[in-house]
N, C-alpha and C. Protein backbone atom coordinates (compact mmCIF):
# COMPACT_ATOMS: atom_id res chain seq x y z
N MET A 1 -14.50 -20.11 -39.40
CA MET A 1 -14.79 -19.63 -38.06
C MET A 1 -15.09 -20.83 -37.15
N VAL A 2 -14.44 -20.85 -36.00
CA VAL A 2 -14.59 -21.96 -35.06
C VAL A 2 -15.72 -21.63 -34.08
N ARG A 3 -16.64 -22.57 -33.90
CA ARG A 3 -17.77 -22.36 -32.98
C ARG A 3 -17.77 -23.49 -31.97
N ILE A 4 -17.56 -23.12 -30.70
CA ILE A 4 -17.54 -24.11 -29.63
C ILE A 4 -18.49 -23.65 -28.53
N SER A 5 -19.36 -24.54 -28.09
CA SER A 5 -20.41 -24.30 -27.08
C SER A 5 -21.14 -22.98 -27.28
N GLY A 6 -21.53 -22.76 -28.53
CA GLY A 6 -22.37 -21.61 -28.85
C GLY A 6 -21.63 -20.29 -29.00
N ILE A 7 -20.31 -20.28 -28.97
CA ILE A 7 -19.53 -19.05 -29.06
C ILE A 7 -18.65 -19.11 -30.29
N ASP A 8 -18.67 -18.05 -31.09
CA ASP A 8 -17.76 -17.94 -32.23
C ASP A 8 -16.42 -17.44 -31.73
N LEU A 9 -15.39 -18.26 -31.88
CA LEU A 9 -14.06 -17.86 -31.43
C LEU A 9 -13.43 -16.94 -32.47
N PRO A 10 -12.72 -15.89 -32.03
CA PRO A 10 -12.07 -14.99 -33.00
C PRO A 10 -11.01 -15.75 -33.79
N SER A 11 -11.03 -15.59 -35.11
CA SER A 11 -10.19 -16.44 -35.96
C SER A 11 -8.72 -16.02 -35.99
N ASN A 12 -8.41 -14.77 -35.68
CA ASN A 12 -7.02 -14.34 -35.80
C ASN A 12 -6.23 -14.48 -34.50
N LYS A 13 -6.88 -14.94 -33.42
CA LYS A 13 -6.17 -15.06 -32.14
C LYS A 13 -5.63 -16.46 -31.95
N ARG A 14 -4.63 -16.57 -31.04
CA ARG A 14 -4.11 -17.88 -30.67
C ARG A 14 -5.22 -18.66 -29.99
N ILE A 15 -5.23 -19.98 -30.19
CA ILE A 15 -6.31 -20.80 -29.66
C ILE A 15 -6.35 -20.77 -28.13
N GLU A 16 -5.18 -20.61 -27.51
CA GLU A 16 -5.12 -20.55 -26.04
C GLU A 16 -5.90 -19.34 -25.53
N ILE A 17 -5.80 -18.22 -26.20
CA ILE A 17 -6.50 -17.00 -25.81
C ILE A 17 -7.96 -17.06 -26.26
N ALA A 18 -8.20 -17.60 -27.44
CA ALA A 18 -9.56 -17.65 -27.98
C ALA A 18 -10.49 -18.50 -27.13
N LEU A 19 -9.97 -19.56 -26.53
CA LEU A 19 -10.81 -20.42 -25.68
C LEU A 19 -11.32 -19.67 -24.46
N THR A 20 -10.61 -18.64 -24.02
CA THR A 20 -11.04 -17.90 -22.83
C THR A 20 -12.27 -17.02 -23.12
N TYR A 21 -12.68 -16.91 -24.38
CA TYR A 21 -13.90 -16.18 -24.71
C TYR A 21 -15.14 -16.96 -24.29
N ILE A 22 -14.98 -18.25 -24.01
CA ILE A 22 -16.08 -19.09 -23.56
C ILE A 22 -16.24 -18.90 -22.06
N PHE A 23 -17.45 -18.60 -21.60
CA PHE A 23 -17.72 -18.39 -20.19
C PHE A 23 -17.47 -19.69 -19.43
N GLY A 24 -16.59 -19.64 -18.45
CA GLY A 24 -16.27 -20.82 -17.67
C GLY A 24 -14.91 -21.41 -17.99
N ILE A 25 -14.23 -20.86 -19.00
CA ILE A 25 -12.89 -21.33 -19.34
C ILE A 25 -11.93 -20.16 -19.22
N GLY A 26 -10.96 -20.31 -18.32
CA GLY A 26 -9.93 -19.30 -18.15
C GLY A 26 -8.65 -19.76 -18.81
N LYS A 27 -7.57 -19.04 -18.49
CA LYS A 27 -6.30 -19.35 -19.13
C LYS A 27 -5.76 -20.73 -18.71
N THR A 28 -5.89 -21.06 -17.42
CA THR A 28 -5.40 -22.35 -16.94
C THR A 28 -6.18 -23.50 -17.57
N SER A 29 -7.51 -23.37 -17.56
CA SER A 29 -8.35 -24.43 -18.16
C SER A 29 -8.05 -24.57 -19.64
N ALA A 30 -7.85 -23.44 -20.33
CA ALA A 30 -7.57 -23.49 -21.77
C ALA A 30 -6.28 -24.26 -22.04
N SER A 31 -5.25 -24.00 -21.24
CA SER A 31 -3.98 -24.70 -21.47
C SER A 31 -4.12 -26.20 -21.18
N LYS A 32 -4.92 -26.55 -20.15
CA LYS A 32 -5.14 -27.97 -19.85
C LYS A 32 -5.90 -28.66 -20.99
N ILE A 33 -6.90 -27.97 -21.54
CA ILE A 33 -7.68 -28.52 -22.64
C ILE A 33 -6.80 -28.77 -23.85
N LEU A 34 -5.95 -27.79 -24.17
CA LEU A 34 -5.07 -27.93 -25.34
C LEU A 34 -4.05 -29.05 -25.14
N GLU A 35 -3.57 -29.20 -23.91
CA GLU A 35 -2.62 -30.28 -23.61
C GLU A 35 -3.30 -31.64 -23.80
N LYS A 36 -4.55 -31.74 -23.35
CA LYS A 36 -5.29 -32.99 -23.48
C LYS A 36 -5.60 -33.31 -24.95
N ALA A 37 -5.88 -32.27 -25.73
CA ALA A 37 -6.21 -32.46 -27.15
C ALA A 37 -4.96 -32.55 -28.02
N GLU A 38 -3.80 -32.35 -27.42
CA GLU A 38 -2.51 -32.39 -28.13
C GLU A 38 -2.47 -31.37 -29.26
N ILE A 39 -2.84 -30.13 -28.95
CA ILE A 39 -2.80 -29.02 -29.90
C ILE A 39 -1.84 -27.98 -29.36
N SER A 40 -1.02 -27.42 -30.22
CA SER A 40 -0.08 -26.38 -29.80
C SER A 40 -0.85 -25.11 -29.45
N PRO A 41 -0.53 -24.47 -28.30
CA PRO A 41 -1.24 -23.25 -27.91
C PRO A 41 -0.95 -22.07 -28.83
N ASP A 42 0.08 -22.18 -29.66
CA ASP A 42 0.46 -21.07 -30.54
C ASP A 42 -0.31 -21.05 -31.86
N THR A 43 -1.04 -22.13 -32.17
CA THR A 43 -1.77 -22.15 -33.44
C THR A 43 -2.94 -21.17 -33.40
N ARG A 44 -3.20 -20.56 -34.54
CA ARG A 44 -4.31 -19.61 -34.65
C ARG A 44 -5.60 -20.38 -34.91
N CYS A 45 -6.70 -19.77 -34.55
CA CYS A 45 -8.00 -20.44 -34.71
C CYS A 45 -8.30 -20.77 -36.16
N ASN A 46 -7.92 -19.87 -37.08
CA ASN A 46 -8.24 -20.14 -38.48
C ASN A 46 -7.36 -21.24 -39.09
N ASN A 47 -6.28 -21.63 -38.40
CA ASN A 47 -5.41 -22.70 -38.89
C ASN A 47 -5.77 -24.07 -38.32
N LEU A 48 -6.81 -24.14 -37.49
CA LEU A 48 -7.20 -25.42 -36.90
C LEU A 48 -7.89 -26.29 -37.95
N GLU A 49 -7.63 -27.61 -37.87
CA GLU A 49 -8.31 -28.54 -38.74
C GLU A 49 -9.60 -29.02 -38.09
N ASP A 50 -10.48 -29.63 -38.88
CA ASP A 50 -11.78 -30.06 -38.39
C ASP A 50 -11.67 -31.10 -37.27
N GLU A 51 -10.69 -32.01 -37.39
CA GLU A 51 -10.51 -33.04 -36.35
C GLU A 51 -10.13 -32.40 -35.02
N GLU A 52 -9.26 -31.37 -35.09
CA GLU A 52 -8.83 -30.69 -33.87
C GLU A 52 -10.00 -29.96 -33.21
N VAL A 53 -10.85 -29.35 -34.03
CA VAL A 53 -12.01 -28.63 -33.49
C VAL A 53 -12.96 -29.61 -32.82
N THR A 54 -13.18 -30.77 -33.44
CA THR A 54 -14.07 -31.76 -32.82
C THR A 54 -13.48 -32.30 -31.53
N LYS A 55 -12.15 -32.49 -31.50
CA LYS A 55 -11.47 -32.91 -30.26
C LYS A 55 -11.74 -31.91 -29.14
N LEU A 56 -11.57 -30.62 -29.47
CA LEU A 56 -11.80 -29.56 -28.48
C LEU A 56 -13.24 -29.58 -27.98
N ARG A 57 -14.19 -29.70 -28.93
CA ARG A 57 -15.61 -29.73 -28.55
C ARG A 57 -15.91 -30.88 -27.59
N VAL A 58 -15.39 -32.05 -27.91
CA VAL A 58 -15.66 -33.23 -27.09
C VAL A 58 -15.08 -33.04 -25.69
N ILE A 59 -13.85 -32.57 -25.60
CA ILE A 59 -13.20 -32.39 -24.29
C ILE A 59 -13.96 -31.37 -23.46
N ILE A 60 -14.34 -30.25 -24.07
CA ILE A 60 -15.04 -29.20 -23.33
C ILE A 60 -16.42 -29.67 -22.89
N ASP A 61 -17.14 -30.38 -23.75
CA ASP A 61 -18.48 -30.87 -23.40
C ASP A 61 -18.44 -31.89 -22.28
N GLU A 62 -17.42 -32.77 -22.29
CA GLU A 62 -17.34 -33.82 -21.28
C GLU A 62 -16.87 -33.31 -19.93
N ASP A 63 -15.84 -32.47 -19.92
CA ASP A 63 -15.15 -32.16 -18.67
C ASP A 63 -15.50 -30.82 -18.04
N TYR A 64 -16.12 -29.90 -18.78
CA TYR A 64 -16.31 -28.55 -18.26
C TYR A 64 -17.75 -28.11 -18.37
N GLN A 65 -18.19 -27.35 -17.36
CA GLN A 65 -19.50 -26.69 -17.44
C GLN A 65 -19.26 -25.31 -18.01
N THR A 66 -19.94 -24.98 -19.10
CA THR A 66 -19.72 -23.69 -19.74
C THR A 66 -21.03 -23.02 -20.09
N GLU A 67 -20.92 -21.74 -20.41
CA GLU A 67 -22.01 -20.90 -20.90
C GLU A 67 -23.31 -21.06 -20.14
N GLY A 68 -24.39 -21.50 -20.78
CA GLY A 68 -25.73 -21.49 -20.20
C GLY A 68 -25.84 -22.26 -18.90
N ASP A 69 -25.27 -23.46 -18.86
CA ASP A 69 -25.36 -24.29 -17.65
C ASP A 69 -24.68 -23.60 -16.47
N LEU A 70 -23.51 -23.04 -16.72
CA LEU A 70 -22.75 -22.39 -15.65
C LEU A 70 -23.44 -21.11 -15.18
N ARG A 71 -23.97 -20.33 -16.12
CA ARG A 71 -24.71 -19.12 -15.75
C ARG A 71 -25.94 -19.47 -14.91
N ARG A 72 -26.63 -20.54 -15.30
CA ARG A 72 -27.80 -20.99 -14.55
C ARG A 72 -27.40 -21.41 -13.14
N LEU A 73 -26.28 -22.10 -13.02
CA LEU A 73 -25.79 -22.53 -11.72
C LEU A 73 -25.48 -21.33 -10.83
N TYR A 74 -24.83 -20.31 -11.41
CA TYR A 74 -24.52 -19.08 -10.66
C TYR A 74 -25.79 -18.42 -10.16
N SER A 75 -26.78 -18.28 -11.05
CA SER A 75 -28.01 -17.59 -10.66
C SER A 75 -28.78 -18.40 -9.60
N LEU A 76 -28.75 -19.73 -9.70
CA LEU A 76 -29.41 -20.56 -8.68
C LEU A 76 -28.72 -20.42 -7.33
N ASN A 77 -27.38 -20.32 -7.33
CA ASN A 77 -26.65 -20.14 -6.07
C ASN A 77 -27.02 -18.82 -5.42
N ILE A 78 -27.10 -17.75 -6.23
CA ILE A 78 -27.46 -16.44 -5.70
C ILE A 78 -28.89 -16.46 -5.19
N LYS A 79 -29.78 -17.11 -5.94
CA LYS A 79 -31.18 -17.21 -5.52
C LYS A 79 -31.30 -17.95 -4.20
N ARG A 80 -30.53 -19.02 -4.04
CA ARG A 80 -30.55 -19.79 -2.79
C ARG A 80 -30.09 -18.92 -1.61
N LEU A 81 -29.04 -18.14 -1.83
CA LEU A 81 -28.54 -17.26 -0.77
C LEU A 81 -29.59 -16.23 -0.35
N THR A 82 -30.31 -15.68 -1.34
CA THR A 82 -31.32 -14.68 -1.00
C THR A 82 -32.50 -15.32 -0.28
N GLU A 83 -32.90 -16.52 -0.69
CA GLU A 83 -34.04 -17.19 -0.04
C GLU A 83 -33.71 -17.60 1.39
N VAL A 84 -32.49 -18.06 1.61
CA VAL A 84 -32.08 -18.47 2.94
C VAL A 84 -32.01 -17.26 3.88
N GLY A 85 -31.70 -16.10 3.29
CA GLY A 85 -31.62 -14.88 4.10
C GLY A 85 -30.23 -14.67 4.68
N SER A 86 -29.23 -15.22 4.04
CA SER A 86 -27.86 -15.04 4.53
C SER A 86 -27.42 -13.61 4.30
N ALA A 87 -26.31 -13.23 4.91
CA ALA A 87 -25.80 -11.87 4.76
C ALA A 87 -25.48 -11.57 3.30
N ALA A 88 -24.85 -12.53 2.63
CA ALA A 88 -24.52 -12.33 1.23
C ALA A 88 -25.78 -12.20 0.39
N GLY A 89 -26.81 -12.97 0.71
CA GLY A 89 -28.06 -12.90 -0.02
C GLY A 89 -28.74 -11.55 0.14
N ARG A 90 -28.69 -11.00 1.36
CA ARG A 90 -29.28 -9.67 1.59
C ARG A 90 -28.53 -8.61 0.82
N ARG A 91 -27.20 -8.73 0.77
CA ARG A 91 -26.39 -7.77 0.00
C ARG A 91 -26.72 -7.85 -1.49
N HIS A 92 -26.93 -9.08 -1.99
CA HIS A 92 -27.31 -9.25 -3.40
C HIS A 92 -28.65 -8.57 -3.66
N ARG A 93 -29.59 -8.75 -2.72
CA ARG A 93 -30.94 -8.22 -2.91
C ARG A 93 -30.96 -6.70 -3.02
N VAL A 94 -30.11 -5.99 -2.25
CA VAL A 94 -30.12 -4.53 -2.26
C VAL A 94 -29.00 -3.94 -3.11
N ASN A 95 -28.39 -4.76 -3.96
CA ASN A 95 -27.34 -4.32 -4.89
C ASN A 95 -26.19 -3.61 -4.21
N LEU A 96 -25.64 -4.23 -3.20
CA LEU A 96 -24.45 -3.72 -2.53
C LEU A 96 -23.33 -4.74 -2.70
N PRO A 97 -22.07 -4.33 -2.51
CA PRO A 97 -20.97 -5.30 -2.62
C PRO A 97 -21.15 -6.43 -1.61
N VAL A 98 -20.90 -7.65 -2.06
CA VAL A 98 -21.20 -8.82 -1.26
C VAL A 98 -20.04 -9.24 -0.36
N ARG A 99 -18.82 -9.02 -0.81
CA ARG A 99 -17.68 -9.62 -0.14
C ARG A 99 -16.91 -8.68 0.78
N GLY A 100 -17.61 -7.80 1.45
CA GLY A 100 -16.97 -7.02 2.51
C GLY A 100 -16.27 -5.75 2.07
N GLN A 101 -16.48 -5.30 0.84
CA GLN A 101 -15.83 -4.07 0.41
C GLN A 101 -16.52 -2.88 1.06
N ARG A 102 -15.80 -1.75 1.12
CA ARG A 102 -16.39 -0.56 1.72
C ARG A 102 -17.42 0.05 0.79
N THR A 103 -18.42 0.73 1.38
CA THR A 103 -19.47 1.31 0.55
C THR A 103 -19.57 2.81 0.71
N ARG A 104 -18.84 3.38 1.67
CA ARG A 104 -18.91 4.82 1.84
C ARG A 104 -18.38 5.53 0.59
N THR A 105 -17.30 4.98 0.02
CA THR A 105 -16.80 5.43 -1.27
C THR A 105 -16.50 4.19 -2.09
N ASN A 106 -16.26 4.37 -3.36
CA ASN A 106 -15.74 3.31 -4.23
C ASN A 106 -16.65 2.09 -4.38
N ALA A 107 -17.95 2.23 -4.35
CA ALA A 107 -18.80 1.08 -4.63
C ALA A 107 -19.70 1.38 -5.82
N ARG A 108 -19.26 2.28 -6.67
CA ARG A 108 -20.10 2.77 -7.77
C ARG A 108 -20.49 1.68 -8.77
N THR A 109 -19.63 0.72 -9.01
CA THR A 109 -19.95 -0.32 -9.98
C THR A 109 -21.18 -1.09 -9.53
N ARG A 110 -21.24 -1.39 -8.27
CA ARG A 110 -22.33 -2.20 -7.73
C ARG A 110 -23.57 -1.36 -7.44
N LYS A 111 -23.38 -0.14 -6.92
CA LYS A 111 -24.51 0.69 -6.49
C LYS A 111 -25.17 1.43 -7.65
N GLY A 112 -24.44 1.65 -8.73
CA GLY A 112 -24.99 2.37 -9.86
C GLY A 112 -24.64 3.85 -9.79
N LYS A 113 -25.29 4.62 -10.65
CA LYS A 113 -24.99 6.04 -10.74
C LYS A 113 -25.39 6.77 -9.45
N LYS A 114 -24.66 7.85 -9.14
CA LYS A 114 -24.95 8.62 -7.93
C LYS A 114 -26.35 9.19 -7.98
N SER A 115 -27.05 9.13 -6.85
CA SER A 115 -28.34 9.82 -6.75
C SER A 115 -28.19 10.90 -5.72
N VAL A 116 -28.56 12.13 -6.07
CA VAL A 116 -28.38 13.28 -5.20
C VAL A 116 -29.53 13.34 -4.22
N VAL A 117 -29.19 13.49 -2.94
CA VAL A 117 -30.20 13.62 -1.90
C VAL A 117 -30.30 15.08 -1.53
N ALA A 118 -31.52 15.64 -1.56
CA ALA A 118 -31.71 17.08 -1.32
C ALA A 118 -31.49 17.40 0.16
N ASN A 119 -31.04 18.64 0.43
CA ASN A 119 -30.83 19.08 1.80
C ASN A 119 -32.17 19.35 2.48
N LYS A 120 -32.17 19.23 3.80
CA LYS A 120 -33.39 19.49 4.58
C LYS A 120 -33.58 21.00 4.71
N LYS A 121 -34.79 21.48 4.46
CA LYS A 121 -35.05 22.92 4.56
C LYS A 121 -35.23 23.30 6.01
N ARG A 122 -34.73 24.50 6.36
CA ARG A 122 -34.83 24.95 7.75
C ARG A 122 -35.99 25.88 7.97
């Protein structure tokens, strides 16, 4: 089992896809990393040799921010926006979509489960 930056990569997947399980590495970054390490993207994780795994670890540690550091950076950016009082920060604070999406309908992921508001009695 290959373990890179605290994540166990699935052993039966291609290394190009398995690298995307690490937070902060997408498909483009994965292909660049493999090109730099001179590893074929078609090799499976369980077929990697120890030298190749160490090459990958070194490249990822030197050139990319991943997992904990990146998550911390994201949360600090959101915290800064809320403290400054920007529009995006206010939207984050009240759990509404931040980037201009409509909220009258279709904002369920961000707003959470529907809450029923009772009718006014006459």
